[in-house]
Amino acid sequence: MPLKKQDREFLFPLVNVIDAKSIRVDRAFSNLLLLVKTSGRPMKASKKELIRIADLTQKIRADSSHFAGLDDDSLTLLARWIESDFADIVATGGGRGGAYGEPILAGLKPLHIDVTKLQHPRYARDFGTSRLLYNIISQSPKVDGKTPVLLDIFRGYFGIGSRDDHYDGSDLDAETLMLMRLLDHYDFDRYSLRDKEPFYSPLCVAETMLLNDDLMRLFVYQGHVPRRELLRYLLTITRFHLALYTFKVIRIINGFVEGGPLCAGYCRCDPLQIDPCPNCPYKLDIFVDLVETKSPTYELAQKKVQKHYAEMSRYLKSHLRLKKLDEFAQWLVDRGHLLEEERPSSLQDILALQSHEKVGTYFESRIESLLADIHDEDNKDRYTAISKMGLPALETFIEMLYGPGLRLKQNRSLHIKMLDSFCGKNQDGGFLFVGKGRAGRRYVLGTELLETLVQIAVIDYKRSGGHPEFRTKGLTISDFVVWLKNRYGILIDEFSESVDSVDMAQAMRHNYQALKTRLRQLGFYTDLSDASNTQLIQPRFRVISSQ
C-alpha cells in the first residue's frame, strides 16, 4: 500500500542532516570545497549542460599556449588519463543525453577548488554530507578570533592560484597545474549573495572536534607529500569520521529517547588529551580483526557488527518517534494550541511533547487515516490487530509504520548502504569487510586507513600564543593501541564485553601481533627487541611547523 508523503519522510535535520543513501565521499568533498569557496552560500539553480571527456580534450586541443605539440594519439592518451585519474563518471550511455560509450562527468576529483566549475548539481549529489562537513569545519578553532582556521587552510591549499592570471604554478605538481590550465576555460557557477546554508549544530560535539583536529594534523604534511597523496589521507579520515559520527548519532538518539542525556557540552572533549572524552556515555567499541583468518577475533569482529546493526534498528524507531513528535508540534501551532514562537525547537522539548494532553488525540487521527488508506484485507487485519494491542496512540502509530510491508525494511536498507559508504566496505581505506555467501560482515582495518591513522598519531602539537605548533615524534605500539581505543573506539587487544578465557587472551595477543606485522609492512616499525618500550612507530617525515 502506498504511504502518504508525510508518513514516508524520514529525514530530520535536528537528528542528522544526512539523508540515508549510498554516498560518494569524494563527491561530498568536492561539494565541501564549493561551500568553502562561497562561504556556505548555496549555488543558484543551474541548467548545466552535460560535459564529456571529449569536450575536455577539445578545450586542450584549442589551447596551444598551454598545451602545445599534441597530436591525435597524444590527445587519446590524455583523454584516457583524465578519465582514469581525474574524472567522476556517472553514466556511459545515451540515457542521459550522451552517445553510447561516451562517459559523462559528475565532476572531477577534488584536487583543487577549481574542479568545482565542472561539478554537476544533479549528478554530484551527496544528500547533505557536504553541509554537515562544512558546519563541522566552520566550528574549528578561530586563531584570529574571526575566521575558523580550517576554512583558511582549505582556501589556501585547495584554492592556490585560483582566478589568478599571473600565477606561474611553481607551487603545484604537474597534474594539478594541468587541471587548472584546462579549467581556465570554464567559469564558476553563480551563487546566492544573500542566502546561506542553514547552520546545523552536529549532535556529537566530540566527533566534530576530533575530525577538525585530525584534519589540522594531516595538513601539516602539505609540502612533504604529493597533493594526491594528501588528498587520499583527507578523504580517508573524512570517511572514517563520518562513519564514527553516524554510529555516535545512533547511540545518542537511542540513549536519549530511552532516558539518557544528549551529549552537547556534556563530554568536554579535548583532542590534545590521551583520552579526549573520558566522560562520554556513548563511547564506541569497534573491535577490528587483523588476523583475517577463521579465528576467535574473526568471530568477535562479526559480533560487533551485529551488535551495532541491532542498535541501528532501535535507532530507526527512536528517530521516527522524534520526527513524529515534531510533526505533532507543528499541528499544535496550526490548530492554535501553541504560538509559533512557543513551538519546541530542541530535541529535549520535542521529546517532552509525548506527555502532552493532545498527543493521544493527534495520533489517533493519524492511525485512522493510515487504516483508511489500506485496501488489502490481509494487511488491514494485521494493522487493525496492532491498533488493538492496547498501546498508547504514539506507540501504536510507530508500530504500524514499521509493520509488515512498510518502512522498516526500506529504511534499514538505506542506512546499511550509508554505513557501507562511510565504513569503506571492502576498500583499503575502510574498516568493514563483507564476504561472499554466509561469511557475514566484520570489522577490519584497511591498510590505507591504518597508514592515515599512524600519520595522525605521530603528529604532536601544543598551543603557543594562540597558534598550534606541530612536530612529528615516535610513539610505542602499546601507546598507539591505547590511542586508537580512547580517541576512536577502535579495539585491538581487548573486547568491551567479558570474554575471559585462555583462548580469548591468546586471540587478543595474535591480533596485537598482527598489528605489529602490518605496521612493519608499511615501514613504520622495525622490530629490534621484545621490550615494549623499544617497539617504536617512527614517522616517515620529520616535520616542525605552525599553522
Protein backbone atom coordinates (compact mmCIF):
# COMPACT_ATOMS: atom_id res chain seq x y z
CA MET A 1 0.00 0.00 0.00
CA PRO A 2 1.33 3.48 -0.78
CA LEU A 3 2.02 5.79 2.13
CA LYS A 4 1.32 9.49 2.18
CA LYS A 5 4.36 11.72 1.80
CA GLN A 6 4.18 12.78 5.45
CA ASP A 7 4.39 9.14 6.53
CA ARG A 8 7.18 8.28 4.06
CA GLU A 9 9.59 11.04 5.04
CA PHE A 10 12.38 10.08 7.41
CA LEU A 11 14.97 12.89 7.25
CA PHE A 12 15.00 15.01 10.42
CA PRO A 13 17.85 17.58 10.45
CA LEU A 14 17.75 18.06 14.23
CA VAL A 15 18.95 14.45 14.46
CA ASN A 16 21.06 14.13 11.31
CA VAL A 17 21.26 16.39 8.28
CA ILE A 18 22.42 13.49 6.06
CA ASP A 19 19.72 11.65 4.13
CA ALA A 20 20.47 7.92 4.29
CA LYS A 21 21.62 6.79 0.84
CA SER A 22 24.68 5.30 -0.79
CA ILE A 23 27.07 8.28 -0.68
CA ARG A 24 30.31 9.01 -2.52
CA VAL A 25 32.60 10.79 -0.06
CA ASP A 26 34.84 12.20 -2.82
CA ARG A 27 31.78 13.95 -4.29
CA ALA A 28 30.86 15.25 -0.86
CA PHE A 29 34.42 16.58 -0.51
CA SER A 30 34.14 18.38 -3.87
CA ASN A 31 30.85 19.92 -2.76
CA LEU A 32 32.53 20.89 0.50
CA LEU A 33 35.19 22.80 -1.50
CA LEU A 34 32.37 24.63 -3.25
CA LEU A 35 30.85 25.66 0.11
CA VAL A 36 34.31 26.73 1.33
CA LYS A 37 34.69 28.92 -1.75
CA THR A 38 31.24 30.52 -1.34
CA SER A 39 31.45 30.78 2.48
CA GLY A 40 28.50 28.43 2.83
CA ARG A 41 26.28 30.04 0.21
CA PRO A 42 24.27 27.66 -1.98
CA MET A 43 24.55 27.68 -5.76
CA LYS A 44 21.73 29.20 -7.74
CA ALA A 45 19.60 26.86 -9.81
CA SER A 46 21.70 25.79 -12.76
CA LYS A 47 20.74 24.24 -16.08
CA LYS A 48 24.24 22.97 -16.55
CA GLU A 49 24.96 21.11 -19.74
CA LEU A 50 26.47 17.65 -19.57
CA ILE A 51 30.23 17.56 -20.10
CA ARG A 52 32.06 14.64 -21.67
CA ILE A 53 35.72 13.69 -21.76
CA ALA A 54 35.78 14.63 -25.46
CA ASP A 55 34.72 18.17 -24.54
CA LEU A 56 37.74 18.49 -22.27
CA THR A 57 40.18 17.24 -24.89
CA GLN A 58 38.74 19.70 -27.40
CA LYS A 59 39.49 22.54 -24.96
CA ILE A 60 43.04 21.23 -24.65
CA ARG A 61 43.45 20.97 -28.44
CA ALA A 62 42.36 24.60 -28.85
CA ASP A 63 44.68 25.91 -26.10
CA SER A 64 48.02 25.98 -27.91
CA SER A 65 49.51 28.43 -25.40
CA HIS A 66 49.47 25.85 -22.58
CA PHE A 67 49.15 22.54 -24.46
CA ALA A 68 51.41 22.64 -27.48
CA GLY A 69 52.53 19.80 -29.72
CA LEU A 70 49.71 17.32 -29.03
CA ASP A 71 48.73 15.10 -31.95
CA ASP A 72 45.65 12.84 -32.12
CA ASP A 73 47.40 9.91 -30.43
CA SER A 74 48.56 12.15 -27.58
CA LEU A 75 45.05 13.51 -27.11
CA THR A 76 43.67 9.96 -27.00
CA LEU A 77 46.13 9.04 -24.27
CA LEU A 78 45.36 12.28 -22.44
CA ALA A 79 41.62 11.53 -22.59
CA ARG A 80 42.22 8.09 -21.07
CA TRP A 81 44.39 9.62 -18.36
CA ILE A 82 41.72 12.19 -17.46
CA GLU A 83 39.04 9.51 -17.40
CA SER A 84 41.00 7.10 -15.20
CA ASP A 85 42.73 9.50 -12.80
CA PHE A 86 40.59 12.65 -12.61
CA ALA A 87 37.03 12.08 -13.78
CA ASP A 88 34.00 11.22 -11.68
CA ILE A 89 31.83 9.29 -14.14
CA VAL A 90 28.09 8.92 -13.65
CA ALA A 91 26.94 7.36 -16.92
CA THR A 92 28.33 5.99 -20.15
CA GLY A 93 25.19 5.54 -22.25
CA GLY A 94 22.68 7.58 -24.18
CA GLY A 95 20.01 7.57 -21.47
CA ARG A 96 21.20 10.89 -20.05
CA GLY A 97 21.93 12.69 -23.26
CA GLY A 98 25.25 11.15 -24.23
CA ALA A 99 26.12 8.99 -27.20
CA TYR A 100 26.71 5.31 -26.46
CA GLY A 101 30.11 4.75 -24.86
CA GLU A 102 30.75 8.42 -24.03
CA PRO A 103 31.48 8.95 -20.32
CA ILE A 104 29.52 11.78 -18.71
CA LEU A 105 31.05 13.78 -15.87
CA ALA A 106 29.53 14.44 -12.47
CA GLY A 107 32.72 16.35 -11.76
CA LEU A 108 36.44 15.86 -11.18
CA LYS A 109 38.46 14.54 -8.25
CA PRO A 110 38.78 17.28 -5.59
CA LEU A 111 42.43 18.12 -6.18
CA HIS A 112 41.78 21.87 -6.40
CA ILE A 113 38.91 24.23 -5.74
CA ASP A 114 38.66 24.97 -9.49
CA VAL A 115 37.34 21.45 -10.17
CA THR A 116 34.01 22.65 -8.76
CA LYS A 117 33.50 24.54 -12.03
CA LEU A 118 32.53 21.21 -13.61
CA GLN A 119 30.54 19.91 -10.64
CA HIS A 120 27.11 18.92 -11.93
CA PRO A 121 24.46 19.74 -9.29
CA ARG A 122 22.21 16.90 -10.34
CA TYR A 123 24.69 14.05 -10.65
CA ALA A 124 27.11 15.00 -7.86
CA ARG A 125 24.59 14.99 -5.02
CA ASP A 126 25.83 13.99 -1.58
CA PHE A 127 22.49 14.10 0.32
CA GLY A 128 23.57 16.61 2.96
CA THR A 129 27.05 15.23 3.66
CA SER A 130 28.92 18.34 2.49
CA ARG A 131 26.56 20.50 4.50
CA LEU A 132 27.46 18.56 7.65
CA LEU A 133 31.18 18.72 6.86
CA TYR A 134 31.05 22.48 6.24
CA ASN A 135 29.29 23.04 9.54
CA ILE A 136 31.95 20.94 11.27
CA ILE A 137 34.99 22.74 9.87
CA SER A 138 33.24 26.08 10.47
CA GLN A 139 33.47 25.21 14.16
CA SER A 140 37.24 24.70 14.10
CA PRO A 141 39.27 26.99 16.39
CA LYS A 142 39.38 30.67 15.42
CA VAL A 143 43.01 31.69 15.69
CA ASP A 144 42.44 35.36 14.80
CA GLY A 145 39.10 35.47 16.58
CA LYS A 146 37.21 35.74 13.30
CA THR A 147 37.82 33.02 10.72
CA PRO A 148 37.85 29.30 11.58
CA VAL A 149 41.40 28.13 10.98
CA LEU A 150 40.39 25.14 8.85
CA LEU A 151 38.46 27.34 6.42
CA ASP A 152 41.63 29.38 5.90
CA ILE A 153 43.71 26.23 5.45
CA PHE A 154 41.25 24.76 2.92
CA ARG A 155 41.14 28.01 0.92
CA GLY A 156 44.90 28.36 0.97
CA TYR A 157 45.70 24.79 -0.02
CA PHE A 158 42.91 23.92 -2.43
CA GLY A 159 42.44 27.45 -3.76
CA ILE A 160 46.07 28.26 -4.57
CA GLY A 161 46.28 30.18 -7.87
CA SER A 162 42.52 30.19 -8.40
CA ARG A 163 41.44 33.18 -10.52
CA ASP A 164 45.00 34.48 -10.58
CA ASP A 165 46.04 35.11 -14.18
CA HIS A 166 49.62 35.75 -13.12
CA TYR A 167 50.07 32.58 -11.07
CA ASP A 168 53.03 30.65 -12.52
CA GLY A 169 52.18 27.29 -10.93
CA SER A 170 55.55 26.93 -9.23
CA ASP A 171 53.93 25.59 -6.05
CA LEU A 172 51.88 22.93 -7.83
CA ASP A 173 52.57 19.49 -9.22
CA ALA A 174 52.23 18.92 -12.97
CA GLU A 175 48.87 17.13 -12.91
CA THR A 176 47.14 19.77 -10.75
CA LEU A 177 48.61 22.55 -12.89
CA MET A 178 47.31 20.77 -16.00
CA LEU A 179 43.83 20.69 -14.42
CA MET A 180 43.98 24.40 -13.61
CA ARG A 181 45.01 25.33 -17.15
CA LEU A 182 42.20 23.18 -18.52
CA LEU A 183 39.64 24.66 -16.10
CA ASP A 184 40.65 28.21 -17.05
CA HIS A 185 38.26 27.69 -19.97
CA TYR A 186 35.27 27.26 -17.61
CA ASP A 187 33.56 29.62 -15.19
CA PHE A 188 32.27 29.07 -11.69
CA ASP A 189 28.51 28.80 -11.32
CA ARG A 190 26.75 31.73 -9.73
CA TYR A 191 25.85 31.52 -6.08
CA SER A 192 23.47 33.45 -3.86
CA LEU A 193 24.94 36.53 -2.22
CA ARG A 194 22.12 36.72 0.32
CA ASP A 195 21.27 33.18 1.35
CA LYS A 196 23.49 30.86 3.33
CA GLU A 197 23.14 27.19 4.09
CA PRO A 198 21.27 26.97 7.42
CA PHE A 199 23.58 26.46 10.37
CA TYR A 200 23.39 22.93 11.68
CA SER A 201 24.77 22.04 15.09
CA PRO A 202 26.13 18.47 14.87
CA LEU A 203 24.71 16.17 17.50
CA CYS A 204 28.07 14.84 18.73
CA VAL A 205 30.40 17.67 19.72
CA ALA A 206 33.35 15.32 20.33
CA GLU A 207 33.35 13.87 16.81
CA THR A 208 33.34 17.34 15.26
CA MET A 209 36.31 18.39 17.39
CA LEU A 210 38.25 15.21 16.65
CA LEU A 211 37.64 15.47 12.89
CA ASN A 212 38.82 19.08 12.90
CA ASP A 213 41.87 18.11 14.94
CA ASP A 214 42.72 15.21 12.61
CA LEU A 215 42.36 17.39 9.51
CA MET A 216 44.67 20.02 11.01
CA ARG A 217 47.26 17.34 11.79
CA LEU A 218 47.12 15.97 8.25
CA PHE A 219 47.55 19.43 6.72
CA VAL A 220 50.92 19.56 8.49
CA TYR A 221 52.16 17.25 5.70
CA GLN A 222 51.45 19.75 2.91
CA GLY A 223 54.72 20.33 1.15
CA HIS A 224 56.03 16.97 2.37
CA VAL A 225 53.74 14.59 0.47
CA PRO A 226 52.28 14.89 -3.06
CA ARG A 227 48.91 16.59 -3.34
CA ARG A 228 47.15 13.42 -4.47
CA GLU A 229 48.60 11.52 -1.51
CA LEU A 230 47.48 14.17 0.96
CA LEU A 231 44.04 14.19 -0.63
CA ARG A 232 43.89 10.42 -0.12
CA TYR A 233 44.65 10.92 3.57
CA LEU A 234 42.00 13.64 3.85
CA LEU A 235 39.31 11.57 2.12
CA THR A 236 40.17 8.50 4.19
CA ILE A 237 39.93 10.30 7.54
CA THR A 238 36.79 12.19 6.48
CA ARG A 239 35.05 8.96 5.50
CA PHE A 240 36.21 7.35 8.75
CA HIS A 241 34.84 10.16 10.91
CA LEU A 242 31.53 10.19 9.03
CA ALA A 243 31.15 6.53 10.00
CA LEU A 244 32.06 7.23 13.63
CA TYR A 245 29.70 10.21 13.70
CA THR A 246 26.85 8.08 12.36
CA PHE A 247 27.45 5.37 14.97
CA LYS A 248 27.56 8.07 17.66
CA VAL A 249 24.26 9.60 16.47
CA ILE A 250 22.65 6.16 16.63
CA ARG A 251 23.82 5.67 20.22
CA ILE A 252 22.99 9.18 21.34
CA ILE A 253 19.43 9.12 19.97
CA ASN A 254 18.75 5.66 21.38
CA GLY A 255 20.11 6.68 24.77
CA PHE A 256 18.27 10.00 24.75
CA VAL A 257 14.88 8.53 23.85
CA GLU A 258 15.37 5.80 26.45
CA GLY A 259 16.13 8.31 29.20
CA GLY A 260 19.79 9.24 28.78
CA PRO A 261 21.43 12.62 28.16
CA LEU A 262 22.16 14.41 24.91
CA CYS A 263 25.89 14.95 24.63
CA ALA A 264 26.15 18.62 23.56
CA GLY A 265 28.52 20.15 26.09
CA TYR A 266 28.46 17.00 28.20
CA CYS A 267 31.71 15.35 27.19
CA ARG A 268 34.04 18.40 27.42
CA CYS A 269 36.20 16.92 24.67
CA ASP A 270 39.88 17.92 24.48
CA PRO A 271 41.62 16.41 21.42
CA LEU A 272 45.05 17.02 22.95
CA GLN A 273 44.46 14.65 25.86
CA ILE A 274 45.32 10.94 25.94
CA ASP A 275 41.62 10.24 26.49
CA PRO A 276 39.82 13.12 24.71
CA CYS A 277 36.34 12.26 26.05
CA PRO A 278 36.67 10.49 29.42
CA ASN A 279 33.08 11.31 30.48
CA CYS A 280 31.32 10.29 27.24
CA PRO A 281 28.42 7.90 27.98
CA TYR A 282 28.24 6.87 24.33
CA LYS A 283 31.79 5.71 23.59
CA LEU A 284 32.22 3.43 20.60
CA ASP A 285 33.54 -0.12 20.71
CA ILE A 286 34.69 -1.25 17.27
CA PHE A 287 36.74 -4.43 17.54
CA VAL A 288 38.77 -4.94 14.35
CA ASP A 289 40.04 -8.31 13.16
CA LEU A 290 43.65 -8.05 11.99
CA VAL A 291 44.39 -11.78 11.83
CA GLU A 292 41.89 -12.16 8.95
CA THR A 293 41.55 -15.93 9.15
CA LYS A 294 38.86 -18.03 10.77
CA SER A 295 39.70 -17.39 14.41
CA PRO A 296 38.13 -16.05 17.61
CA THR A 297 38.97 -12.47 16.55
CA TYR A 298 37.17 -13.07 13.25
CA GLU A 299 34.01 -14.04 15.13
CA LEU A 300 34.32 -11.20 17.67
CA ALA A 301 34.58 -8.65 14.86
CA GLN A 302 31.41 -10.13 13.35
CA LYS A 303 29.60 -9.91 16.70
CA LYS A 304 30.43 -6.23 16.96
CA VAL A 305 28.89 -5.54 13.56
CA GLN A 306 25.77 -7.48 14.57
CA LYS A 307 25.53 -5.50 17.82
CA HIS A 308 25.84 -2.15 16.04
CA TYR A 309 23.29 -3.07 13.39
CA ALA A 310 20.87 -4.12 16.14
CA GLU A 311 21.39 -0.65 17.66
CA MET A 312 20.61 0.81 14.24
CA SER A 313 17.24 -1.00 14.15
CA ARG A 314 16.35 0.53 17.53
CA TYR A 315 17.53 3.90 16.26
CA LEU A 316 15.12 3.86 13.34
CA LYS A 317 12.18 3.81 15.75
CA SER A 318 13.79 6.33 18.12
CA HIS A 319 14.42 8.69 15.20
CA LEU A 320 10.87 8.23 13.94
CA ARG A 321 9.43 8.99 17.39
CA LEU A 322 11.21 12.36 17.46
CA LYS A 323 10.20 13.21 13.89
CA LYS A 324 6.54 12.40 14.51
CA LEU A 325 6.53 14.41 17.72
CA ASP A 326 7.97 17.33 15.73
CA GLU A 327 5.05 16.97 13.30
CA PHE A 328 2.75 16.98 16.33
CA ALA A 329 4.37 20.25 17.45
CA GLN A 330 3.56 21.83 14.09
CA TRP A 331 -0.03 20.55 14.37
CA LEU A 332 -0.33 22.27 17.75
CA VAL A 333 0.77 25.54 16.14
CA ASP A 334 -1.57 25.12 13.15
CA ARG A 335 -4.55 24.45 15.44
CA GLY A 336 -3.79 27.41 17.68
CA HIS A 337 -2.79 25.40 20.74
CA LEU A 338 0.70 26.95 20.60
CA LEU A 339 2.04 30.23 19.31
CA GLU A 340 4.70 29.99 16.60
CA GLU A 341 7.34 31.37 18.95
CA GLU A 342 6.38 28.71 21.52
CA ARG A 343 6.96 25.84 19.11
CA PRO A 344 9.59 23.42 20.53
CA SER A 345 12.90 23.73 18.68
CA SER A 346 15.19 21.44 20.69
CA LEU A 347 15.16 17.66 20.88
CA GLN A 348 14.59 17.84 24.64
CA ASP A 349 11.45 19.96 24.21
CA ILE A 350 10.23 17.86 21.30
CA LEU A 351 10.57 14.60 23.25
CA ALA A 352 8.73 16.19 26.19
CA LEU A 353 5.66 16.50 23.94
CA GLN A 354 4.99 12.77 24.31
CA SER A 355 3.27 13.63 27.61
CA HIS A 356 1.19 16.48 26.10
CA GLU A 357 -2.55 16.22 26.72
CA LYS A 358 -3.31 16.38 22.98
CA VAL A 359 -0.82 13.72 21.88
CA GLY A 360 -3.39 10.91 22.05
CA THR A 361 -5.96 12.84 20.00
CA TYR A 362 -3.43 13.68 17.29
CA PHE A 363 -2.01 10.19 16.81
CA GLU A 364 -5.42 8.52 17.00
CA SER A 365 -6.42 10.62 13.98
CA ARG A 366 -3.19 9.64 12.21
CA ILE A 367 -3.95 5.96 12.90
CA GLU A 368 -7.47 6.31 11.49
CA SER A 369 -6.07 7.98 8.37
CA LEU A 370 -3.49 5.23 7.95
CA LEU A 371 -6.08 2.46 8.29
CA ALA A 372 -8.38 4.21 5.80
CA ASP A 373 -5.64 4.07 3.17
CA ILE A 374 -5.25 0.27 3.45
CA HIS A 375 -7.27 -1.57 0.82
CA ASP A 376 -5.70 -5.03 1.07
CA GLU A 377 -7.79 -7.09 3.52
CA ASP A 378 -4.89 -9.21 4.85
CA ASN A 379 -2.80 -6.14 5.62
CA LYS A 380 -5.82 -4.35 7.07
CA ASP A 381 -6.36 -7.20 9.53
CA ARG A 382 -2.71 -7.04 10.61
CA TYR A 383 -2.75 -3.31 11.21
CA THR A 384 -6.12 -3.45 12.92
CA ALA A 385 -4.64 -6.06 15.25
CA ILE A 386 -1.72 -3.70 16.02
CA SER A 387 -4.19 -0.90 16.76
CA LYS A 388 -5.97 -3.14 19.28
CA MET A 389 -2.86 -4.12 21.23
CA GLY A 390 -3.65 -1.55 23.90
CA LEU A 391 -0.52 0.55 23.32
CA PRO A 392 -0.59 4.35 23.63
CA ALA A 393 -1.54 6.05 20.38
CA LEU A 394 2.02 7.25 19.63
CA GLU A 395 3.47 3.76 20.18
CA THR A 396 0.72 2.23 18.06
CA PHE A 397 1.32 4.64 15.19
CA ILE A 398 5.08 3.93 15.16
CA GLU A 399 4.49 0.17 15.25
CA MET A 400 2.07 0.47 12.35
CA LEU A 401 4.53 2.49 10.26
CA TYR A 402 7.11 -0.22 10.87
CA GLY A 403 4.64 -3.04 10.35
CA PRO A 404 4.69 -5.61 7.53
CA GLY A 405 5.24 -4.18 4.08
CA LEU A 406 6.02 -0.64 5.22
CA ARG A 407 9.14 1.35 6.11
CA LEU A 408 11.37 -0.69 8.43
CA LYS A 409 12.96 -2.84 5.74
CA GLN A 410 13.49 0.06 3.34
CA ASN A 411 14.92 2.47 5.93
CA ARG A 412 17.17 -0.24 7.33
CA SER A 413 18.45 -1.00 3.83
CA LEU A 414 19.16 2.71 3.14
CA HIS A 415 21.03 3.11 6.41
CA ILE A 416 23.09 -0.02 5.70
CA LYS A 417 24.03 1.49 2.32
CA MET A 418 25.05 4.73 4.02
CA LEU A 419 27.17 2.90 6.60
CA ASP A 420 28.73 0.78 3.84
CA SER A 421 29.77 4.04 2.15
CA PHE A 422 31.21 5.62 5.29
CA CYS A 423 32.84 2.44 6.62
CA GLY A 424 34.51 1.90 3.23
CA LYS A 425 33.06 -1.54 2.58
CA ASN A 426 35.75 -3.81 1.12
CA GLN A 427 38.02 -0.83 0.48
CA ASP A 428 41.62 -0.43 1.57
CA GLY A 429 40.72 2.86 3.21
CA GLY A 430 37.84 1.41 5.23
CA PHE A 431 37.18 -0.83 8.20
CA LEU A 432 34.27 -3.03 7.08
CA PHE A 433 34.63 -6.27 5.17
CA VAL A 434 31.66 -8.06 3.64
CA GLY A 435 32.41 -11.56 2.41
CA LYS A 436 30.51 -13.70 -0.04
CA GLY A 437 27.74 -16.06 0.91
CA ARG A 438 27.39 -16.55 4.66
CA ALA A 439 30.75 -15.05 5.56
CA GLY A 440 28.92 -12.06 7.03
CA ARG A 441 30.17 -8.60 7.91
CA ARG A 442 33.09 -7.94 10.19
CA TYR A 443 35.27 -5.01 11.18
CA VAL A 444 38.82 -4.94 9.83
CA LEU A 445 41.45 -2.22 9.45
CA GLY A 446 42.30 -1.40 5.84
CA THR A 447 45.92 -0.64 5.03
CA GLU A 448 45.21 2.91 3.80
CA LEU A 449 43.15 3.67 6.91
CA LEU A 450 45.87 2.27 9.19
CA GLU A 451 48.51 4.35 7.38
CA THR A 452 46.39 7.50 7.73
CA LEU A 453 45.80 6.91 11.43
CA VAL A 454 49.52 6.40 12.02
CA GLN A 455 50.31 9.64 10.14
CA ILE A 456 47.92 11.43 12.52
CA ALA A 457 49.17 9.68 15.65
CA VAL A 458 52.81 10.67 15.12
CA ILE A 459 51.89 14.37 14.93
CA ASP A 460 52.24 16.05 18.29
CA TYR A 461 51.31 19.64 18.89
CA LYS A 462 50.77 22.20 21.56
CA ARG A 463 49.15 25.61 21.60
CA SER A 464 51.57 28.51 21.90
CA GLY A 465 50.31 32.08 21.86
CA GLY A 466 47.02 31.01 20.29
CA HIS A 467 48.77 29.24 17.39
CA PRO A 468 49.30 25.47 17.38
CA GLU A 469 52.87 24.23 16.90
CA PHE A 470 53.25 20.83 15.26
CA ARG A 471 56.08 18.32 15.21
CA THR A 472 56.40 14.63 14.43
CA LYS A 473 57.52 12.18 17.07
CA GLY A 474 57.73 8.43 17.55
CA LEU A 475 55.40 6.50 19.84
CA THR A 476 55.30 2.95 21.13
CA ILE A 477 52.92 0.43 19.62
CA SER A 478 51.27 -0.07 23.01
CA ASP A 479 50.62 3.69 23.23
CA PHE A 480 49.24 3.63 19.68
CA VAL A 481 46.78 0.87 20.63
CA VAL A 482 45.59 2.87 23.66
CA TRP A 483 45.33 5.99 21.46
CA LEU A 484 43.11 4.15 18.96
CA LYS A 485 40.83 2.96 21.75
CA ASN A 486 40.49 6.29 23.56
CA ARG A 487 40.23 8.51 20.50
CA TYR A 488 38.13 6.43 18.12
CA GLY A 489 36.83 3.41 20.00
CA ILE A 490 38.95 1.07 17.84
CA LEU A 491 39.77 -2.06 19.88
CA ILE A 492 42.81 -4.20 19.05
CA ASP A 493 43.75 -6.36 22.04
CA GLU A 494 40.63 -6.17 24.18
CA PHE A 495 36.89 -6.65 23.85
CA SER A 496 34.36 -4.43 25.54
CA GLU A 497 32.24 -7.37 26.73
CA SER A 498 33.65 -10.04 29.03
CA VAL A 499 35.43 -12.80 27.09
CA ASP A 500 37.73 -14.10 29.83
CA SER A 501 39.36 -17.34 28.77
CA VAL A 502 42.80 -18.63 27.88
CA ASP A 503 41.82 -18.97 24.21
CA MET A 504 40.50 -15.39 24.06
CA ALA A 505 43.61 -14.00 25.73
CA GLN A 506 45.72 -15.80 23.13
CA ALA A 507 43.50 -14.49 20.33
CA MET A 508 43.98 -10.93 21.56
CA ARG A 509 47.76 -11.41 21.56
CA HIS A 510 47.58 -12.72 17.98
CA ASN A 511 45.58 -9.65 16.96
CA TYR A 512 48.19 -7.40 18.57
CA GLN A 513 50.99 -9.26 16.80
CA ALA A 514 49.11 -8.92 13.51
CA LEU A 515 49.04 -5.14 14.03
CA LYS A 516 52.82 -5.12 14.51
CA THR A 517 53.23 -7.12 11.30
CA ARG A 518 51.04 -4.66 9.36
CA LEU A 519 53.00 -1.70 10.73
CA ARG A 520 56.27 -3.37 9.77
CA GLN A 521 54.97 -3.97 6.23
CA LEU A 522 54.03 -0.29 5.97
CA GLY A 523 57.54 0.73 7.01
CA PHE A 524 56.55 2.43 10.25
CA TYR A 525 58.14 -0.08 12.59
CA THR A 526 61.33 -2.11 12.83
CA ASP A 527 61.34 -4.95 15.34
CA LEU A 528 64.63 -4.62 17.24
CA SER A 529 63.65 -6.00 20.63
CA ASP A 530 60.86 -7.73 22.53
CA ALA A 531 60.80 -4.91 25.07
CA SER A 532 57.59 -2.93 24.56
CA ASN A 533 59.25 0.43 25.27
CA THR A 534 61.62 -0.07 22.32
CA GLN A 535 58.88 -1.04 19.83
CA LEU A 536 58.51 2.42 18.35
CA ILE A 537 56.42 3.62 15.43
CA GLN A 538 58.64 6.08 13.57
CA PRO A 539 57.24 8.94 11.47
CA ARG A 540 58.11 8.90 7.76
CA PHE A 541 58.71 12.66 7.72
CA ARG A 542 60.41 14.91 10.22
CA VAL A 543 58.10 17.92 10.37
CA ILE A 544 58.19 21.03 12.53
CA SER A 545 55.65 23.66 11.55
CA SER A 546 52.95 26.03 12.77
CA GLN A 547 49.55 26.95 11.33
